[in-house]
Amino acid sequence: MSEMTLFQIIDAVKSGGRPEYDDLRYAVCALEGLSTFDHQALMALSEAETENKPRILSRSAAWQWEECFNRSKRAMAVPPKVWLGEDFDPDSPAYQQRRRIALKLLDVVAAKASKP
């Protein structure tokens, strides 16, 4: 695996390049992580608006925008594996074990939710 930053990987792909397979794997995981943060931010803003909650910190669009910008800036400046860290490394056995447990819990919740 190279030491390409997330930005360099994305730029290489957009320019017709073919980064190494592992660089792409970690880039997908990093982009999914960034997307998750953005979804959580939008959910907080939506709840603040629909429930008429005060728009402070996480419920403030300006604060969320700055957080999103800075988070993306930090992620783009380093290799995706570095940004993810050991706790979210898909090659980490501990991460895979936590993922298996989480997926089982989701299955249990989904099964309970589908029962009348």
N, C-alpha and C. Protein backbone atom coordinates (compact mmCIF):
# COMPACT_ATOMS: atom_id res chain seq x y z
N MET A 1 0.85 -1.17 0.00
CA MET A 1 0.00 0.00 0.00
C MET A 1 0.89 1.24 0.00
N SER A 2 0.47 2.24 -0.74
CA SER A 2 1.26 3.46 -0.84
C SER A 2 0.93 4.40 0.32
N GLU A 3 1.55 5.53 0.30
CA GLU A 3 1.28 6.56 1.31
C GLU A 3 0.48 7.71 0.69
N MET A 4 -0.31 7.40 -0.35
CA MET A 4 -1.12 8.44 -0.98
C MET A 4 -2.17 8.95 -0.01
N THR A 5 -2.41 10.26 -0.05
CA THR A 5 -3.48 10.82 0.77
C THR A 5 -4.82 10.49 0.13
N LEU A 6 -5.88 10.66 0.88
CA LEU A 6 -7.22 10.42 0.34
C LEU A 6 -7.46 11.33 -0.86
N PHE A 7 -7.04 12.57 -0.76
CA PHE A 7 -7.19 13.49 -1.89
C PHE A 7 -6.45 12.98 -3.12
N GLN A 8 -5.21 12.53 -2.95
CA GLN A 8 -4.42 12.04 -4.07
C GLN A 8 -5.05 10.80 -4.71
N ILE A 9 -5.62 9.93 -3.90
CA ILE A 9 -6.28 8.73 -4.43
C ILE A 9 -7.48 9.12 -5.27
N ILE A 10 -8.31 10.00 -4.73
CA ILE A 10 -9.50 10.45 -5.47
C ILE A 10 -9.10 11.16 -6.75
N ASP A 11 -8.10 12.03 -6.66
CA ASP A 11 -7.63 12.77 -7.83
C ASP A 11 -7.07 11.82 -8.88
N ALA A 12 -6.32 10.81 -8.45
CA ALA A 12 -5.76 9.84 -9.40
C ALA A 12 -6.87 9.10 -10.13
N VAL A 13 -7.88 8.66 -9.41
CA VAL A 13 -8.99 7.94 -10.04
C VAL A 13 -9.72 8.85 -11.03
N LYS A 14 -10.00 10.08 -10.62
CA LYS A 14 -10.70 11.02 -11.50
C LYS A 14 -9.88 11.36 -12.74
N SER A 15 -8.55 11.25 -12.64
CA SER A 15 -7.67 11.53 -13.77
C SER A 15 -7.37 10.29 -14.61
N GLY A 16 -8.06 9.20 -14.35
CA GLY A 16 -7.88 7.98 -15.12
C GLY A 16 -6.83 7.05 -14.56
N GLY A 17 -6.29 7.38 -13.39
CA GLY A 17 -5.28 6.53 -12.77
C GLY A 17 -5.89 5.30 -12.11
N ARG A 18 -5.02 4.41 -11.73
CA ARG A 18 -5.45 3.16 -11.08
C ARG A 18 -4.62 2.94 -9.81
N PRO A 19 -5.02 3.62 -8.73
CA PRO A 19 -4.30 3.42 -7.47
C PRO A 19 -4.32 1.95 -7.05
N GLU A 20 -3.42 1.62 -6.15
CA GLU A 20 -3.35 0.24 -5.66
C GLU A 20 -4.68 -0.16 -5.02
N TYR A 21 -4.96 -1.45 -5.09
CA TYR A 21 -6.21 -2.01 -4.57
C TYR A 21 -6.43 -1.63 -3.11
N ASP A 22 -5.42 -1.80 -2.25
CA ASP A 22 -5.60 -1.49 -0.84
C ASP A 22 -5.83 0.00 -0.61
N ASP A 23 -5.20 0.86 -1.40
CA ASP A 23 -5.48 2.29 -1.29
C ASP A 23 -6.97 2.55 -1.56
N LEU A 24 -7.50 1.88 -2.57
CA LEU A 24 -8.92 2.05 -2.90
C LEU A 24 -9.82 1.51 -1.81
N ARG A 25 -9.47 0.35 -1.25
CA ARG A 25 -10.27 -0.23 -0.15
C ARG A 25 -10.38 0.75 1.01
N TYR A 26 -9.24 1.28 1.43
CA TYR A 26 -9.23 2.19 2.57
C TYR A 26 -9.91 3.51 2.21
N ALA A 27 -9.79 3.96 0.96
CA ALA A 27 -10.47 5.18 0.54
C ALA A 27 -11.98 5.01 0.63
N VAL A 28 -12.49 3.86 0.22
CA VAL A 28 -13.93 3.59 0.32
C VAL A 28 -14.37 3.66 1.78
N CYS A 29 -13.61 3.04 2.67
CA CYS A 29 -13.96 3.05 4.10
C CYS A 29 -13.91 4.47 4.67
N ALA A 30 -12.90 5.25 4.28
CA ALA A 30 -12.79 6.62 4.78
C ALA A 30 -13.95 7.47 4.26
N LEU A 31 -14.28 7.34 3.00
CA LEU A 31 -15.39 8.12 2.44
C LEU A 31 -16.72 7.73 3.08
N GLU A 32 -16.89 6.44 3.38
CA GLU A 32 -18.10 5.99 4.08
C GLU A 32 -18.15 6.60 5.47
N GLY A 33 -17.01 6.67 6.14
CA GLY A 33 -16.95 7.29 7.46
C GLY A 33 -17.32 8.76 7.41
N LEU A 34 -16.77 9.48 6.43
CA LEU A 34 -17.12 10.88 6.27
C LEU A 34 -18.61 11.05 5.98
N SER A 35 -19.15 10.18 5.16
CA SER A 35 -20.57 10.23 4.83
C SER A 35 -21.43 10.00 6.08
N THR A 36 -21.01 9.08 6.93
CA THR A 36 -21.74 8.81 8.16
C THR A 36 -21.77 10.04 9.06
N PHE A 37 -20.62 10.71 9.21
CA PHE A 37 -20.59 11.94 10.00
C PHE A 37 -21.55 12.98 9.42
N ASP A 38 -21.56 13.11 8.09
CA ASP A 38 -22.45 14.09 7.45
C ASP A 38 -23.92 13.74 7.67
N HIS A 39 -24.26 12.46 7.58
CA HIS A 39 -25.65 12.05 7.83
C HIS A 39 -26.06 12.36 9.26
N GLN A 40 -25.17 12.10 10.21
CA GLN A 40 -25.47 12.40 11.61
C GLN A 40 -25.67 13.90 11.81
N ALA A 41 -24.86 14.70 11.14
CA ALA A 41 -25.00 16.15 11.24
C ALA A 41 -26.35 16.61 10.68
N LEU A 42 -26.72 16.08 9.52
CA LEU A 42 -28.02 16.45 8.94
C LEU A 42 -29.17 16.01 9.82
N MET A 43 -29.03 14.84 10.45
CA MET A 43 -30.07 14.37 11.35
C MET A 43 -30.22 15.31 12.55
N ALA A 44 -29.09 15.75 13.11
CA ALA A 44 -29.14 16.68 14.25
C ALA A 44 -29.79 18.00 13.84
N LEU A 45 -29.47 18.49 12.64
CA LEU A 45 -30.07 19.74 12.17
C LEU A 45 -31.56 19.57 11.92
N SER A 46 -31.94 18.42 11.35
CA SER A 46 -33.35 18.15 11.09
C SER A 46 -34.15 18.07 12.40
N GLU A 47 -33.60 17.37 13.37
CA GLU A 47 -34.27 17.27 14.67
C GLU A 47 -34.41 18.64 15.32
N ALA A 48 -33.37 19.45 15.24
CA ALA A 48 -33.42 20.79 15.82
C ALA A 48 -34.53 21.61 15.17
N GLU A 49 -34.65 21.47 13.86
CA GLU A 49 -35.67 22.24 13.14
C GLU A 49 -37.08 21.73 13.42
N THR A 50 -37.27 20.41 13.32
CA THR A 50 -38.62 19.86 13.49
C THR A 50 -39.10 19.89 14.93
N GLU A 51 -38.17 19.82 15.87
CA GLU A 51 -38.54 19.83 17.29
C GLU A 51 -38.32 21.20 17.93
N ASN A 52 -37.98 22.18 17.10
CA ASN A 52 -37.77 23.56 17.54
C ASN A 52 -36.79 23.65 18.72
N LYS A 53 -35.69 22.93 18.59
CA LYS A 53 -34.65 22.95 19.62
C LYS A 53 -33.72 24.13 19.37
N PRO A 54 -33.10 24.62 20.43
CA PRO A 54 -32.15 25.74 20.24
C PRO A 54 -31.02 25.33 19.30
N ARG A 55 -30.62 26.26 18.44
CA ARG A 55 -29.58 25.97 17.46
C ARG A 55 -28.19 26.32 18.01
N ILE A 56 -27.76 25.49 18.95
CA ILE A 56 -26.44 25.68 19.52
C ILE A 56 -25.58 24.48 19.16
N LEU A 57 -24.32 24.71 18.96
CA LEU A 57 -23.33 23.69 18.62
C LEU A 57 -23.83 22.71 17.58
N SER A 58 -24.05 21.45 17.93
CA SER A 58 -24.36 20.44 16.92
C SER A 58 -25.69 20.71 16.22
N ARG A 59 -26.52 21.56 16.76
CA ARG A 59 -27.79 21.89 16.11
C ARG A 59 -27.70 23.16 15.28
N SER A 60 -26.51 23.70 15.15
CA SER A 60 -26.30 24.92 14.38
C SER A 60 -25.76 24.55 12.99
N ALA A 61 -26.40 25.05 11.94
CA ALA A 61 -25.95 24.76 10.58
C ALA A 61 -24.54 25.32 10.35
N ALA A 62 -24.26 26.49 10.87
CA ALA A 62 -22.93 27.08 10.69
C ALA A 62 -21.87 26.23 11.39
N TRP A 63 -22.17 25.79 12.59
CA TRP A 63 -21.21 24.95 13.33
C TRP A 63 -21.01 23.63 12.60
N GLN A 64 -22.08 23.00 12.14
CA GLN A 64 -21.98 21.73 11.43
C GLN A 64 -21.20 21.89 10.13
N TRP A 65 -21.43 22.99 9.42
CA TRP A 65 -20.70 23.20 8.16
C TRP A 65 -19.21 23.29 8.44
N GLU A 66 -18.83 24.05 9.47
CA GLU A 66 -17.41 24.20 9.79
C GLU A 66 -16.82 22.86 10.22
N GLU A 67 -17.55 22.10 11.02
CA GLU A 67 -17.07 20.77 11.43
C GLU A 67 -16.88 19.86 10.21
N CYS A 68 -17.85 19.85 9.31
CA CYS A 68 -17.78 19.03 8.10
C CYS A 68 -16.57 19.44 7.25
N PHE A 69 -16.40 20.73 7.06
CA PHE A 69 -15.27 21.23 6.26
C PHE A 69 -13.94 20.80 6.88
N ASN A 70 -13.78 21.03 8.18
CA ASN A 70 -12.52 20.69 8.84
C ASN A 70 -12.28 19.18 8.88
N ARG A 71 -13.32 18.41 9.10
CA ARG A 71 -13.19 16.94 9.10
C ARG A 71 -12.74 16.45 7.74
N SER A 72 -13.36 16.95 6.68
CA SER A 72 -12.98 16.56 5.32
C SER A 72 -11.56 17.00 4.99
N LYS A 73 -11.20 18.20 5.41
CA LYS A 73 -9.86 18.73 5.17
C LYS A 73 -8.81 17.83 5.83
N ARG A 74 -9.08 17.43 7.08
CA ARG A 74 -8.13 16.54 7.78
C ARG A 74 -8.06 15.19 7.09
N ALA A 75 -9.20 14.64 6.69
CA ALA A 75 -9.23 13.32 6.05
C ALA A 75 -8.52 13.33 4.71
N MET A 76 -8.70 14.37 3.94
CA MET A 76 -8.10 14.44 2.61
C MET A 76 -6.58 14.58 2.66
N ALA A 77 -6.04 15.06 3.78
CA ALA A 77 -4.62 15.38 3.88
C ALA A 77 -3.75 14.19 4.30
N VAL A 78 -4.36 13.06 4.63
CA VAL A 78 -3.59 11.90 5.12
C VAL A 78 -4.01 10.64 4.36
N PRO A 79 -3.20 9.60 4.41
CA PRO A 79 -3.64 8.33 3.83
C PRO A 79 -4.91 7.84 4.54
N PRO A 80 -5.85 7.26 3.81
CA PRO A 80 -7.10 6.83 4.43
C PRO A 80 -6.91 5.90 5.62
N LYS A 81 -5.93 5.01 5.56
CA LYS A 81 -5.69 4.09 6.67
C LYS A 81 -5.33 4.87 7.93
N VAL A 82 -4.58 5.94 7.79
CA VAL A 82 -4.21 6.78 8.93
C VAL A 82 -5.45 7.46 9.50
N TRP A 83 -6.28 8.01 8.63
CA TRP A 83 -7.49 8.70 9.10
C TRP A 83 -8.43 7.73 9.82
N LEU A 84 -8.57 6.53 9.27
CA LEU A 84 -9.46 5.55 9.90
C LEU A 84 -8.95 5.12 11.27
N GLY A 85 -7.65 4.93 11.39
CA GLY A 85 -7.08 4.46 12.64
C GLY A 85 -7.33 2.97 12.85
N GLU A 86 -6.68 2.41 13.82
CA GLU A 86 -6.77 0.98 14.11
C GLU A 86 -8.20 0.55 14.44
N ASP A 87 -8.96 1.42 15.11
CA ASP A 87 -10.31 1.04 15.52
C ASP A 87 -11.26 0.81 14.35
N PHE A 88 -10.95 1.37 13.19
CA PHE A 88 -11.83 1.22 12.03
C PHE A 88 -11.10 0.64 10.82
N ASP A 89 -9.99 -0.02 11.06
CA ASP A 89 -9.21 -0.66 10.01
C ASP A 89 -9.89 -1.98 9.63
N PRO A 90 -10.35 -2.12 8.38
CA PRO A 90 -11.05 -3.35 8.01
C PRO A 90 -10.18 -4.60 8.08
N ASP A 91 -8.88 -4.45 8.15
CA ASP A 91 -7.99 -5.60 8.30
C ASP A 91 -7.72 -5.95 9.76
N SER A 92 -8.29 -5.19 10.68
CA SER A 92 -8.10 -5.44 12.10
C SER A 92 -9.07 -6.52 12.59
N PRO A 93 -8.57 -7.59 13.20
CA PRO A 93 -9.47 -8.63 13.74
C PRO A 93 -10.45 -8.06 14.79
N ALA A 94 -9.99 -7.11 15.60
CA ALA A 94 -10.87 -6.52 16.61
C ALA A 94 -12.02 -5.76 15.95
N TYR A 95 -11.70 -5.03 14.89
CA TYR A 95 -12.75 -4.30 14.16
C TYR A 95 -13.76 -5.28 13.56
N GLN A 96 -13.26 -6.35 12.96
CA GLN A 96 -14.16 -7.32 12.35
C GLN A 96 -15.03 -8.00 13.40
N GLN A 97 -14.49 -8.25 14.57
CA GLN A 97 -15.29 -8.85 15.64
C GLN A 97 -16.39 -7.90 16.10
N ARG A 98 -16.06 -6.62 16.29
CA ARG A 98 -17.09 -5.62 16.66
C ARG A 98 -18.14 -5.51 15.57
N ARG A 99 -17.71 -5.58 14.33
CA ARG A 99 -18.65 -5.48 13.20
C ARG A 99 -19.61 -6.66 13.19
N ARG A 100 -19.08 -7.87 13.42
CA ARG A 100 -19.96 -9.06 13.46
C ARG A 100 -21.00 -8.93 14.57
N ILE A 101 -20.58 -8.47 15.73
CA ILE A 101 -21.51 -8.30 16.85
C ILE A 101 -22.56 -7.25 16.51
N ALA A 102 -22.14 -6.13 15.93
CA ALA A 102 -23.08 -5.07 15.56
C ALA A 102 -24.09 -5.56 14.54
N LEU A 103 -23.64 -6.33 13.56
CA LEU A 103 -24.56 -6.85 12.54
C LEU A 103 -25.56 -7.82 13.14
N LYS A 104 -25.13 -8.64 14.10
CA LYS A 104 -26.06 -9.55 14.78
C LYS A 104 -27.10 -8.77 15.56
N LEU A 105 -26.65 -7.72 16.25
CA LEU A 105 -27.61 -6.88 17.00
C LEU A 105 -28.61 -6.22 16.06
N LEU A 106 -28.16 -5.76 14.93
CA LEU A 106 -29.07 -5.15 13.95
C LEU A 106 -30.09 -6.18 13.46
N ASP A 107 -29.65 -7.41 13.24
CA ASP A 107 -30.57 -8.47 12.83
C ASP A 107 -31.64 -8.70 13.89
N VAL A 108 -31.25 -8.70 15.16
CA VAL A 108 -32.20 -8.91 16.25
C VAL A 108 -33.21 -7.76 16.30
N VAL A 109 -32.72 -6.53 16.19
CA VAL A 109 -33.60 -5.36 16.22
C VAL A 109 -34.56 -5.39 15.02
N ALA A 110 -34.04 -5.71 13.86
CA ALA A 110 -34.88 -5.76 12.65
C ALA A 110 -35.95 -6.83 12.78
N ALA A 111 -35.58 -7.97 13.33
CA ALA A 111 -36.55 -9.07 13.50
C ALA A 111 -37.65 -8.64 14.48
N LYS A 112 -37.29 -7.98 15.56
CA LYS A 112 -38.29 -7.52 16.54
C LYS A 112 -39.18 -6.45 15.94
N ALA A 113 -38.60 -5.58 15.13
CA ALA A 113 -39.37 -4.50 14.53
C ALA A 113 -40.36 -5.00 13.50
N SER A 114 -40.07 -6.14 12.88
CA SER A 114 -40.96 -6.65 11.84
C SER A 114 -42.10 -7.50 12.40
N LYS A 115 -42.03 -7.83 13.69
CA LYS A 115 -43.11 -8.61 14.31
C LYS A 115 -44.25 -7.70 14.69
N PRO A 116 -45.48 -8.16 14.47
CA PRO A 116 -46.66 -7.33 14.80
C PRO A 116 -46.87 -7.14 16.28
